[in-house]
Amino acid sequence: MRKFIYTFIAVLTIGLSSKTLAHCEIPCGIYDDEMRIHMIQEHILTIEKSMKKIKELSAQAKNPQVYNQLVRWIVNKEEHAKKLQYIVWQYFLTQRVKPVSPDKHEEYEKYLKKLELLHKLSFYAMKTKQTVDFKYIDLLRKTLDEFEKVYFGKKHIEEHHHH
């Protein structure tokens, strides 16, 4: 029994100390929505930088070293697009945006708008995997700004952008 308890405590300690991007689905009440928005902004910036490097290196792709760098930037772009989608799905859709009854008309409209914007973020992130078209960077930024306004409300945005 004592061995079981020690093993359980060790597993629990390892589980709690391992840092992961995933937020648990246990209703712990610890959420940092603003941090997630900033993480998405960083992923967009990294995807944009990756696209720039891919375009820059593509011109010299005959050189094996350049080709190696090119592949690494493509993989980087892909990874950050996936991480962005993961925040959208696992954090916002699964845990933060709660279903609303259609008879609560105003709340329901806001709920639908959040779903629409999160879907767009996920879709545009997928497009950044398929292309090196900067229009998807612009669309990601505009959609994220709009989501932030709908999600937090105008008053919150004004208070946090003046500091």
N, C-alpha and C. Protein backbone atom coordinates (compact mmCIF):
# COMPACT_ATOMS: atom_id res chain seq x y z
N MET A 1 0.82 -1.20 0.00
CA MET A 1 0.00 0.00 0.00
C MET A 1 0.87 1.27 0.00
N ARG A 2 1.91 1.25 0.86
CA ARG A 2 2.81 2.41 0.94
C ARG A 2 3.50 2.64 -0.41
N LYS A 3 3.91 1.54 -1.07
CA LYS A 3 4.57 1.63 -2.37
C LYS A 3 3.61 2.27 -3.39
N PHE A 4 2.35 1.88 -3.35
CA PHE A 4 1.33 2.44 -4.24
C PHE A 4 1.20 3.95 -4.01
N ILE A 5 1.16 4.36 -2.75
CA ILE A 5 1.01 5.79 -2.43
C ILE A 5 2.21 6.58 -2.95
N TYR A 6 3.42 6.04 -2.72
CA TYR A 6 4.63 6.72 -3.21
C TYR A 6 4.62 6.82 -4.74
N THR A 7 4.22 5.74 -5.39
CA THR A 7 4.15 5.73 -6.85
C THR A 7 3.12 6.76 -7.33
N PHE A 8 1.96 6.78 -6.68
CA PHE A 8 0.90 7.73 -7.03
C PHE A 8 1.39 9.16 -6.88
N ILE A 9 2.06 9.45 -5.76
CA ILE A 9 2.57 10.81 -5.52
C ILE A 9 3.62 11.17 -6.57
N ALA A 10 4.50 10.23 -6.92
CA ALA A 10 5.53 10.48 -7.93
C ALA A 10 4.88 10.78 -9.28
N VAL A 11 3.89 9.97 -9.67
CA VAL A 11 3.20 10.18 -10.95
C VAL A 11 2.48 11.53 -10.94
N LEU A 12 1.83 11.84 -9.84
CA LEU A 12 1.11 13.10 -9.73
C LEU A 12 2.07 14.29 -9.82
N THR A 13 3.20 14.20 -9.15
CA THR A 13 4.21 15.26 -9.18
C THR A 13 4.76 15.46 -10.59
N ILE A 14 5.08 14.36 -11.25
CA ILE A 14 5.58 14.43 -12.63
C ILE A 14 4.52 15.04 -13.53
N GLY A 15 3.29 14.60 -13.37
CA GLY A 15 2.17 15.11 -14.18
C GLY A 15 1.94 16.59 -13.98
N LEU A 16 2.05 17.05 -12.73
CA LEU A 16 1.81 18.46 -12.45
C LEU A 16 2.99 19.34 -12.86
N SER A 17 4.19 18.77 -12.83
CA SER A 17 5.36 19.59 -13.14
C SER A 17 5.66 19.66 -14.63
N SER A 18 5.13 18.73 -15.40
CA SER A 18 5.42 18.77 -16.84
C SER A 18 4.65 19.91 -17.48
N LYS A 19 5.41 20.78 -18.13
CA LYS A 19 4.78 21.94 -18.76
C LYS A 19 4.30 21.56 -20.15
N THR A 20 3.01 21.75 -20.39
CA THR A 20 2.47 21.46 -21.71
C THR A 20 1.63 22.64 -22.15
N LEU A 21 1.39 22.73 -23.44
CA LEU A 21 0.55 23.78 -23.98
C LEU A 21 -0.90 23.54 -23.60
N ALA A 22 -1.27 22.29 -23.47
CA ALA A 22 -2.66 21.93 -23.20
C ALA A 22 -3.10 22.42 -21.83
N HIS A 23 -4.31 22.91 -21.78
CA HIS A 23 -4.91 23.27 -20.52
C HIS A 23 -5.82 22.12 -20.16
N CYS A 24 -5.80 21.72 -18.91
CA CYS A 24 -6.60 20.57 -18.51
C CYS A 24 -8.08 20.86 -18.68
N GLU A 25 -8.87 19.81 -18.80
CA GLU A 25 -10.31 19.98 -18.91
C GLU A 25 -11.00 19.81 -17.57
N ILE A 26 -10.20 19.72 -16.50
CA ILE A 26 -10.76 19.70 -15.15
C ILE A 26 -11.18 21.14 -14.87
N PRO A 27 -12.37 21.35 -14.33
CA PRO A 27 -12.81 22.74 -14.10
C PRO A 27 -12.07 23.40 -12.94
N CYS A 28 -10.80 23.71 -13.17
CA CYS A 28 -9.95 24.27 -12.11
C CYS A 28 -10.17 25.77 -11.95
N GLY A 29 -10.77 26.40 -12.94
CA GLY A 29 -11.03 27.83 -12.85
C GLY A 29 -9.82 28.69 -13.16
N ILE A 30 -8.73 28.07 -13.62
CA ILE A 30 -7.53 28.84 -13.94
C ILE A 30 -7.45 29.01 -15.46
N TYR A 31 -7.81 30.19 -15.91
CA TYR A 31 -7.78 30.47 -17.34
C TYR A 31 -7.10 31.80 -17.54
N ASP A 32 -6.33 31.90 -18.60
CA ASP A 32 -5.73 33.18 -18.93
C ASP A 32 -6.02 33.42 -20.41
N ASP A 33 -7.20 33.96 -20.66
CA ASP A 33 -7.66 34.20 -22.02
C ASP A 33 -6.74 35.16 -22.77
N GLU A 34 -6.31 36.22 -22.08
CA GLU A 34 -5.44 37.21 -22.74
C GLU A 34 -4.12 36.59 -23.16
N MET A 35 -3.58 35.71 -22.30
CA MET A 35 -2.33 35.04 -22.64
C MET A 35 -2.52 34.22 -23.92
N ARG A 36 -3.67 33.55 -24.05
CA ARG A 36 -3.93 32.73 -25.24
C ARG A 36 -4.00 33.61 -26.49
N ILE A 37 -4.62 34.79 -26.38
CA ILE A 37 -4.68 35.74 -27.50
C ILE A 37 -3.25 36.13 -27.90
N HIS A 38 -2.41 36.42 -26.90
CA HIS A 38 -1.02 36.80 -27.19
C HIS A 38 -0.26 35.63 -27.82
N MET A 39 -0.55 34.42 -27.38
CA MET A 39 0.11 33.24 -27.98
C MET A 39 -0.29 33.12 -29.45
N ILE A 40 -1.57 33.34 -29.74
CA ILE A 40 -2.02 33.28 -31.14
C ILE A 40 -1.32 34.37 -31.95
N GLN A 41 -1.21 35.57 -31.38
CA GLN A 41 -0.53 36.66 -32.09
C GLN A 41 0.92 36.28 -32.40
N GLU A 42 1.59 35.64 -31.45
CA GLU A 42 2.98 35.21 -31.68
C GLU A 42 3.06 34.14 -32.76
N HIS A 43 2.10 33.22 -32.77
CA HIS A 43 2.09 32.19 -33.81
C HIS A 43 1.90 32.83 -35.19
N ILE A 44 1.02 33.82 -35.28
CA ILE A 44 0.80 34.51 -36.56
C ILE A 44 2.10 35.18 -37.01
N LEU A 45 2.77 35.85 -36.09
CA LEU A 45 4.04 36.52 -36.41
C LEU A 45 5.09 35.51 -36.88
N THR A 46 5.16 34.37 -36.23
CA THR A 46 6.13 33.34 -36.60
C THR A 46 5.79 32.74 -37.96
N ILE A 47 4.51 32.52 -38.22
CA ILE A 47 4.09 32.01 -39.54
C ILE A 47 4.49 33.01 -40.62
N GLU A 48 4.25 34.30 -40.35
CA GLU A 48 4.61 35.35 -41.31
C GLU A 48 6.12 35.35 -41.57
N LYS A 49 6.92 35.27 -40.50
CA LYS A 49 8.38 35.25 -40.67
C LYS A 49 8.80 34.02 -41.47
N SER A 50 8.18 32.88 -41.19
CA SER A 50 8.48 31.65 -41.92
C SER A 50 8.19 31.82 -43.41
N MET A 51 7.04 32.43 -43.72
CA MET A 51 6.68 32.66 -45.12
C MET A 51 7.73 33.53 -45.81
N LYS A 52 8.17 34.59 -45.11
CA LYS A 52 9.19 35.49 -45.68
C LYS A 52 10.47 34.72 -45.98
N LYS A 53 10.90 33.89 -45.02
CA LYS A 53 12.13 33.11 -45.20
C LYS A 53 11.98 32.09 -46.33
N ILE A 54 10.80 31.48 -46.42
CA ILE A 54 10.55 30.49 -47.48
C ILE A 54 10.66 31.17 -48.85
N LYS A 55 10.06 32.34 -48.98
CA LYS A 55 10.12 33.07 -50.26
C LYS A 55 11.56 33.48 -50.57
N GLU A 56 12.26 33.95 -49.55
CA GLU A 56 13.65 34.40 -49.71
C GLU A 56 14.56 33.22 -50.11
N LEU A 57 14.44 32.11 -49.42
CA LEU A 57 15.31 30.95 -49.67
C LEU A 57 14.94 30.19 -50.94
N SER A 58 13.71 30.27 -51.37
CA SER A 58 13.26 29.54 -52.56
C SER A 58 14.04 29.93 -53.80
N ALA A 59 14.48 31.17 -53.85
CA ALA A 59 15.24 31.65 -55.00
C ALA A 59 16.60 30.96 -55.13
N GLN A 60 17.11 30.43 -53.99
CA GLN A 60 18.43 29.79 -54.00
C GLN A 60 18.34 28.30 -53.65
N ALA A 61 17.23 27.68 -53.91
CA ALA A 61 16.97 26.32 -53.43
C ALA A 61 17.84 25.22 -54.04
N LYS A 62 18.66 25.54 -55.02
CA LYS A 62 19.53 24.52 -55.62
C LYS A 62 20.66 24.10 -54.66
N ASN A 63 21.07 25.02 -53.80
CA ASN A 63 22.11 24.75 -52.81
C ASN A 63 21.54 23.85 -51.70
N PRO A 64 22.16 22.68 -51.41
CA PRO A 64 21.64 21.76 -50.40
C PRO A 64 21.48 22.39 -49.01
N GLN A 65 22.40 23.25 -48.62
CA GLN A 65 22.29 23.89 -47.31
C GLN A 65 21.08 24.83 -47.26
N VAL A 66 20.88 25.56 -48.34
CA VAL A 66 19.73 26.46 -48.43
C VAL A 66 18.44 25.63 -48.44
N TYR A 67 18.47 24.53 -49.17
CA TYR A 67 17.30 23.65 -49.24
C TYR A 67 16.95 23.12 -47.85
N ASN A 68 17.97 22.77 -47.08
CA ASN A 68 17.77 22.30 -45.71
C ASN A 68 17.09 23.39 -44.87
N GLN A 69 17.58 24.62 -44.98
CA GLN A 69 16.98 25.74 -44.24
C GLN A 69 15.54 25.98 -44.68
N LEU A 70 15.32 25.87 -45.97
CA LEU A 70 13.98 26.05 -46.54
C LEU A 70 12.99 25.05 -45.92
N VAL A 71 13.39 23.80 -45.88
CA VAL A 71 12.54 22.76 -45.30
C VAL A 71 12.27 23.05 -43.82
N ARG A 72 13.28 23.50 -43.11
CA ARG A 72 13.10 23.81 -41.69
C ARG A 72 12.10 24.95 -41.49
N TRP A 73 12.14 25.96 -42.35
CA TRP A 73 11.18 27.07 -42.23
C TRP A 73 9.76 26.60 -42.57
N ILE A 74 9.64 25.69 -43.51
CA ILE A 74 8.33 25.15 -43.86
C ILE A 74 7.76 24.37 -42.66
N VAL A 75 8.60 23.55 -42.05
CA VAL A 75 8.17 22.79 -40.88
C VAL A 75 7.79 23.74 -39.73
N ASN A 76 8.56 24.79 -39.55
CA ASN A 76 8.28 25.79 -38.52
C ASN A 76 6.91 26.44 -38.75
N LYS A 77 6.66 26.82 -39.97
CA LYS A 77 5.38 27.45 -40.33
C LYS A 77 4.22 26.49 -40.01
N GLU A 78 4.40 25.25 -40.38
CA GLU A 78 3.39 24.20 -40.14
C GLU A 78 3.12 24.03 -38.64
N GLU A 79 4.18 23.95 -37.86
CA GLU A 79 4.05 23.74 -36.41
C GLU A 79 3.30 24.89 -35.74
N HIS A 80 3.62 26.12 -36.11
CA HIS A 80 2.95 27.26 -35.49
C HIS A 80 1.50 27.38 -35.93
N ALA A 81 1.20 27.00 -37.14
CA ALA A 81 -0.20 26.98 -37.59
C ALA A 81 -0.98 25.94 -36.78
N LYS A 82 -0.36 24.78 -36.54
CA LYS A 82 -1.00 23.73 -35.72
C LYS A 82 -1.23 24.20 -34.29
N LYS A 83 -0.24 24.87 -33.72
CA LYS A 83 -0.36 25.37 -32.35
C LYS A 83 -1.47 26.42 -32.24
N LEU A 84 -1.56 27.27 -33.25
CA LEU A 84 -2.63 28.27 -33.29
C LEU A 84 -3.99 27.55 -33.30
N GLN A 85 -4.13 26.54 -34.19
CA GLN A 85 -5.38 25.79 -34.27
C GLN A 85 -5.68 25.08 -32.95
N TYR A 86 -4.66 24.58 -32.31
CA TYR A 86 -4.84 23.88 -31.05
C TYR A 86 -5.43 24.80 -29.97
N ILE A 87 -4.94 26.04 -29.90
CA ILE A 87 -5.49 27.01 -28.94
C ILE A 87 -6.95 27.29 -29.27
N VAL A 88 -7.23 27.46 -30.56
CA VAL A 88 -8.61 27.73 -30.99
C VAL A 88 -9.53 26.57 -30.59
N TRP A 89 -9.11 25.35 -30.92
CA TRP A 89 -9.98 24.19 -30.66
C TRP A 89 -9.99 23.80 -29.19
N GLN A 90 -8.82 23.49 -28.66
CA GLN A 90 -8.73 22.89 -27.33
C GLN A 90 -9.04 23.90 -26.22
N TYR A 91 -8.63 25.13 -26.40
CA TYR A 91 -8.84 26.11 -25.34
C TYR A 91 -10.17 26.84 -25.50
N PHE A 92 -10.32 27.56 -26.63
CA PHE A 92 -11.52 28.38 -26.76
C PHE A 92 -12.78 27.56 -27.05
N LEU A 93 -12.77 26.71 -28.07
CA LEU A 93 -13.98 25.97 -28.43
C LEU A 93 -14.37 24.93 -27.39
N THR A 94 -13.40 24.23 -26.84
CA THR A 94 -13.71 23.16 -25.90
C THR A 94 -14.02 23.67 -24.50
N GLN A 95 -13.31 24.72 -24.06
CA GLN A 95 -13.42 25.11 -22.66
C GLN A 95 -13.98 26.49 -22.38
N ARG A 96 -13.83 27.41 -23.29
CA ARG A 96 -14.19 28.80 -22.94
C ARG A 96 -15.48 29.29 -23.58
N VAL A 97 -15.77 28.90 -24.80
CA VAL A 97 -17.00 29.36 -25.45
C VAL A 97 -18.08 28.30 -25.19
N LYS A 98 -18.98 28.65 -24.29
CA LYS A 98 -20.01 27.70 -23.86
C LYS A 98 -21.25 27.80 -24.75
N PRO A 99 -21.90 26.66 -25.03
CA PRO A 99 -23.15 26.70 -25.81
C PRO A 99 -24.21 27.57 -25.13
N VAL A 100 -24.99 28.25 -25.94
CA VAL A 100 -26.03 29.15 -25.44
C VAL A 100 -27.35 28.75 -26.09
N SER A 101 -28.40 28.80 -25.33
CA SER A 101 -29.73 28.47 -25.83
C SER A 101 -30.20 29.54 -26.83
N PRO A 102 -30.78 29.12 -27.98
CA PRO A 102 -31.24 30.09 -28.98
C PRO A 102 -32.30 31.06 -28.46
N ASP A 103 -33.02 30.68 -27.40
CA ASP A 103 -34.05 31.61 -26.90
C ASP A 103 -33.45 32.79 -26.13
N LYS A 104 -32.18 32.72 -25.81
CA LYS A 104 -31.46 33.88 -25.23
C LYS A 104 -30.85 34.62 -26.42
N HIS A 105 -31.69 35.31 -27.17
CA HIS A 105 -31.35 35.84 -28.49
C HIS A 105 -30.02 36.59 -28.56
N GLU A 106 -29.83 37.60 -27.72
CA GLU A 106 -28.62 38.42 -27.81
C GLU A 106 -27.35 37.61 -27.49
N GLU A 107 -27.42 36.80 -26.43
CA GLU A 107 -26.28 35.95 -26.06
C GLU A 107 -26.00 34.92 -27.15
N TYR A 108 -27.08 34.40 -27.74
CA TYR A 108 -26.94 33.38 -28.78
C TYR A 108 -26.26 33.96 -30.02
N GLU A 109 -26.62 35.19 -30.39
CA GLU A 109 -25.99 35.85 -31.54
C GLU A 109 -24.49 36.06 -31.29
N LYS A 110 -24.14 36.44 -30.08
CA LYS A 110 -22.74 36.63 -29.70
C LYS A 110 -22.01 35.28 -29.77
N TYR A 111 -22.66 34.23 -29.30
CA TYR A 111 -22.11 32.87 -29.32
C TYR A 111 -21.83 32.45 -30.77
N LEU A 112 -22.79 32.67 -31.66
CA LEU A 112 -22.61 32.31 -33.08
C LEU A 112 -21.45 33.08 -33.70
N LYS A 113 -21.32 34.36 -33.34
CA LYS A 113 -20.24 35.19 -33.86
C LYS A 113 -18.88 34.65 -33.40
N LYS A 114 -18.79 34.25 -32.13
CA LYS A 114 -17.54 33.67 -31.62
C LYS A 114 -17.20 32.39 -32.38
N LEU A 115 -18.20 31.54 -32.60
CA LEU A 115 -17.97 30.30 -33.34
C LEU A 115 -17.48 30.59 -34.75
N GLU A 116 -18.12 31.56 -35.40
CA GLU A 116 -17.73 31.94 -36.76
C GLU A 116 -16.27 32.40 -36.81
N LEU A 117 -15.89 33.26 -35.88
CA LEU A 117 -14.54 33.82 -35.87
C LEU A 117 -13.49 32.76 -35.52
N LEU A 118 -13.81 31.87 -34.59
CA LEU A 118 -12.88 30.78 -34.25
C LEU A 118 -12.71 29.84 -35.44
N HIS A 119 -13.81 29.58 -36.15
CA HIS A 119 -13.72 28.73 -37.33
C HIS A 119 -12.84 29.39 -38.40
N LYS A 120 -13.01 30.69 -38.58
CA LYS A 120 -12.18 31.41 -39.55
C LYS A 120 -10.70 31.35 -39.16
N LEU A 121 -10.40 31.54 -37.88
CA LEU A 121 -9.00 31.46 -37.43
C LEU A 121 -8.41 30.09 -37.76
N SER A 122 -9.16 29.05 -37.49
CA SER A 122 -8.70 27.69 -37.78
C SER A 122 -8.51 27.48 -39.28
N PHE A 123 -9.46 27.97 -40.07
CA PHE A 123 -9.41 27.83 -41.52
C PHE A 123 -8.21 28.59 -42.11
N TYR A 124 -8.03 29.85 -41.69
CA TYR A 124 -6.92 30.64 -42.22
C TYR A 124 -5.56 30.06 -41.80
N ALA A 125 -5.50 29.49 -40.60
CA ALA A 125 -4.27 28.82 -40.17
C ALA A 125 -3.97 27.64 -41.09
N MET A 126 -5.00 26.90 -41.46
CA MET A 126 -4.83 25.78 -42.40
C MET A 126 -4.33 26.30 -43.74
N LYS A 127 -4.84 27.44 -44.19
CA LYS A 127 -4.40 28.02 -45.46
C LYS A 127 -2.92 28.43 -45.40
N THR A 128 -2.45 28.85 -44.21
CA THR A 128 -1.02 29.21 -44.10
C THR A 128 -0.14 27.97 -44.21
N LYS A 129 -0.69 26.80 -43.91
CA LYS A 129 0.07 25.56 -44.09
C LYS A 129 0.21 25.26 -45.58
N GLN A 130 -0.85 25.52 -46.33
CA GLN A 130 -0.90 25.16 -47.75
C GLN A 130 -0.19 26.16 -48.66
N THR A 131 -0.04 27.38 -48.19
CA THR A 131 0.44 28.45 -49.07
C THR A 131 1.53 29.29 -48.39
N VAL A 132 2.06 30.23 -49.14
CA VAL A 132 2.91 31.29 -48.57
C VAL A 132 2.30 32.64 -48.95
N ASP A 133 0.97 32.67 -48.94
CA ASP A 133 0.23 33.86 -49.32
C ASP A 133 0.00 34.73 -48.07
N PHE A 134 0.57 35.93 -48.07
CA PHE A 134 0.47 36.83 -46.91
C PHE A 134 -0.94 37.33 -46.65
N LYS A 135 -1.85 37.14 -47.60
CA LYS A 135 -3.23 37.59 -47.35
C LYS A 135 -3.82 36.81 -46.16
N TYR A 136 -3.35 35.57 -45.95
CA TYR A 136 -3.86 34.79 -44.82
C TYR A 136 -3.32 35.29 -43.48
N ILE A 137 -2.17 35.91 -43.51
CA ILE A 137 -1.62 36.55 -42.30
C ILE A 137 -2.53 37.73 -41.94
N ASP A 138 -2.86 38.54 -42.94
CA ASP A 138 -3.75 39.69 -42.72
C ASP A 138 -5.12 39.22 -42.21
N LEU A 139 -5.65 38.17 -42.84
CA LEU A 139 -6.96 37.66 -42.43
C LEU A 139 -6.91 37.10 -41.00
N LEU A 140 -5.82 36.43 -40.65
CA LEU A 140 -5.67 35.92 -39.28
C LEU A 140 -5.68 37.09 -38.28
N ARG A 141 -4.90 38.12 -38.58
CA ARG A 141 -4.82 39.27 -37.66
C ARG A 141 -6.16 39.98 -37.51
N LYS A 142 -6.82 40.24 -38.64
CA LYS A 142 -8.12 40.92 -38.60
C LYS A 142 -9.15 40.09 -37.85
N THR A 143 -9.16 38.79 -38.09
CA THR A 143 -10.12 37.90 -37.45
C THR A 143 -9.83 37.82 -35.95
N LEU A 144 -8.56 37.74 -35.58
CA LEU A 144 -8.21 37.69 -34.17
C LEU A 144 -8.61 38.98 -33.46
N ASP A 145 -8.39 40.12 -34.10
CA ASP A 145 -8.81 41.41 -33.52
C ASP A 145 -10.32 41.43 -33.30
N GLU A 146 -11.06 40.97 -34.30
CA GLU A 146 -12.51 40.94 -34.20
C GLU A 146 -12.96 39.98 -33.09
N PHE A 147 -12.31 38.81 -33.02
CA PHE A 147 -12.65 37.85 -31.98
C PHE A 147 -12.39 38.44 -30.59
N GLU A 148 -11.26 39.12 -30.46
CA GLU A 148 -10.91 39.74 -29.18
C GLU A 148 -11.99 40.73 -28.75
N LYS A 149 -12.50 41.53 -29.68
CA LYS A 149 -13.54 42.52 -29.37
C LYS A 149 -14.85 41.83 -28.95
N VAL A 150 -15.23 40.79 -29.68
CA VAL A 150 -16.47 40.08 -29.38
C VAL A 150 -16.32 39.31 -28.06
N TYR A 151 -15.20 38.68 -27.88
CA TYR A 151 -14.97 37.82 -26.72
C TYR A 151 -14.86 38.62 -25.42
N PHE A 152 -14.04 39.67 -25.43
CA PHE A 152 -13.80 40.44 -24.22
C PHE A 152 -14.77 41.62 -24.06
N GLY A 153 -15.27 42.12 -25.17
CA GLY A 153 -16.11 43.31 -25.11
C GLY A 153 -15.28 44.55 -25.34
N LYS A 154 -15.91 45.58 -25.86
CA LYS A 154 -15.21 46.81 -26.23
C LYS A 154 -14.55 47.50 -25.03
N LYS A 155 -15.27 47.54 -23.90
CA LYS A 155 -14.76 48.22 -22.70
C LYS A 155 -13.44 47.60 -22.24
N HIS A 156 -13.37 46.30 -22.22
CA HIS A 156 -12.16 45.58 -21.81
C HIS A 156 -10.99 45.93 -22.72
N ILE A 157 -11.24 45.94 -24.02
CA ILE A 157 -10.19 46.23 -25.01
C ILE A 157 -9.64 47.64 -24.79
N GLU A 158 -10.55 48.61 -24.63
CA GLU A 158 -10.12 50.00 -24.45
C GLU A 158 -9.28 50.15 -23.18
N GLU A 159 -9.68 49.48 -22.10
CA GLU A 159 -8.94 49.58 -20.85
C GLU A 159 -7.55 48.98 -20.98
N HIS A 160 -7.42 47.86 -21.70
CA HIS A 160 -6.15 47.16 -21.78
C HIS A 160 -5.22 47.70 -22.86
N HIS A 161 -5.73 48.48 -23.80
CA HIS A 161 -4.87 49.02 -24.85
C HIS A 161 -4.37 50.42 -24.52
N HIS A 162 -4.92 51.02 -23.44
CA HIS A 162 -4.44 52.34 -23.05
C HIS A 162 -3.31 52.26 -22.03
N HIS A 163 -3.07 51.12 -21.45
CA HIS A 163 -2.02 50.97 -20.42
C HIS A 163 -0.70 50.61 -21.01
